Amino acid sequence: MRVTLIQVGDEVGFIFPDEILERYNLKTGDERELIVTDYGFELIPIRRAS
């Protein structure tokens, strides 16, 4: 799946395709942890203290 990087204010981002938003139940304002790996990066749910 390809995405195009876009300018967002002074930063760069991309728009998630609707298919991904629906599959992972993502909504505007959701927070995720960004993990950098040898292969790129992953977005994972933030673990909340119980």
C-alpha atoms as a PDB file:
ATOM      1  CA  MET A   1       0.000   0.000   0.000  1.00  0.00           C
ATOM      2  CA  ARG A   2       1.421   3.397  -0.937  1.00  0.00           C
ATOM      3  CA  VAL A   3       0.908   6.689   0.840  1.00  0.00           C
ATOM      4  CA  THR A   4       2.169  10.137  -0.105  1.00  0.00           C
ATOM      5  CA  LEU A   5       3.922  12.383   2.398  1.00  0.00           C
ATOM      6  CA  ILE A   6       2.250  15.773   2.810  1.00  0.00           C
ATOM      7  CA  GLN A   7       3.080  19.045   4.544  1.00  0.00           C
ATOM      8  CA  VAL A   8       1.161  19.489   7.825  1.00  0.00           C
ATOM      9  CA  GLY A   9       2.082  22.914   9.185  1.00  0.00           C
ATOM     10  CA  ASP A  10       5.814  22.783   9.900  1.00  0.00           C
ATOM     11  CA  GLU A  11       5.845  18.972   9.931  1.00  0.00           C
ATOM     12  CA  VAL A  12       5.350  16.124   7.470  1.00  0.00           C
ATOM     13  CA  GLY A  13       2.686  13.436   7.654  1.00  0.00           C
ATOM     14  CA  PHE A  14       0.514  11.165   5.575  1.00  0.00           C
ATOM     15  CA  ILE A  15      -3.157  10.295   5.353  1.00  0.00           C
ATOM     16  CA  PHE A  16      -4.189   6.793   6.367  1.00  0.00           C
ATOM     17  CA  PRO A  17      -6.323   5.085   3.727  1.00  0.00           C
ATOM     18  CA  ASP A  18      -9.924   4.425   4.879  1.00  0.00           C
ATOM     19  CA  GLU A  19      -9.264   0.669   4.717  1.00  0.00           C
ATOM     20  CA  ILE A  20      -6.578   0.974   7.419  1.00  0.00           C
ATOM     21  CA  LEU A  21      -8.658   3.305   9.600  1.00  0.00           C
ATOM     22  CA  GLU A  22     -11.552   0.852   9.541  1.00  0.00           C
ATOM     23  CA  ARG A  23      -9.435  -2.289   9.996  1.00  0.00           C
ATOM     24  CA  TYR A  24      -7.668  -0.917  13.095  1.00  0.00           C
ATOM     25  CA  ASN A  25     -10.572   1.202  14.378  1.00  0.00           C
ATOM     26  CA  LEU A  26      -8.514   4.425  14.235  1.00  0.00           C
ATOM     27  CA  LYS A  27     -10.103   7.840  14.660  1.00  0.00           C
ATOM     28  CA  THR A  28      -8.912  11.447  14.653  1.00  0.00           C
ATOM     29  CA  GLY A  29      -7.248  12.226  17.984  1.00  0.00           C
ATOM     30  CA  ASP A  30      -6.195   8.618  18.735  1.00  0.00           C
ATOM     31  CA  GLU A  31      -2.658   8.337  20.086  1.00  0.00           C
ATOM     32  CA  ARG A  32      -0.160   5.629  19.178  1.00  0.00           C
ATOM     33  CA  GLU A  33       3.451   4.897  20.143  1.00  0.00           C
ATOM     34  CA  LEU A  34       5.921   5.204  17.237  1.00  0.00           C
ATOM     35  CA  ILE A  35       8.573   2.459  17.357  1.00  0.00           C
ATOM     36  CA  VAL A  36      11.578   2.715  15.026  1.00  0.00           C
ATOM     37  CA  THR A  37      12.881  -0.663  13.803  1.00  0.00           C
ATOM     38  CA  ASP A  38      15.622  -1.856  11.456  1.00  0.00           C
ATOM     39  CA  TYR A  39      12.920  -2.235   8.793  1.00  0.00           C
ATOM     40  CA  GLY A  40      11.153   1.121   9.217  1.00  0.00           C
ATOM     41  CA  PHE A  41       8.642   1.930  11.919  1.00  0.00           C
ATOM     42  CA  GLU A  42       5.537   0.617  13.664  1.00  0.00           C
ATOM     43  CA  LEU A  43       2.602   2.363  15.286  1.00  0.00           C
ATOM     44  CA  ILE A  44       1.372   0.467  18.333  1.00  0.00           C
ATOM     45  CA  PRO A  45      -1.333   1.145  20.935  1.00  0.00           C
ATOM     46  CA  ILE A  46      -0.129   3.061  23.983  1.00  0.00           C
ATOM     47  CA  ARG A  47      -0.170   0.861  27.069  1.00  0.00           C
ATOM     48  CA  ARG A  48      -2.025   2.531  29.910  1.00  0.00           C
ATOM     49  CA  ALA A  49      -1.136   1.834  33.539  1.00  0.00           C
ATOM     50  CA  SER A  50      -3.810  -0.314  35.183  1.00  0.00           C
END
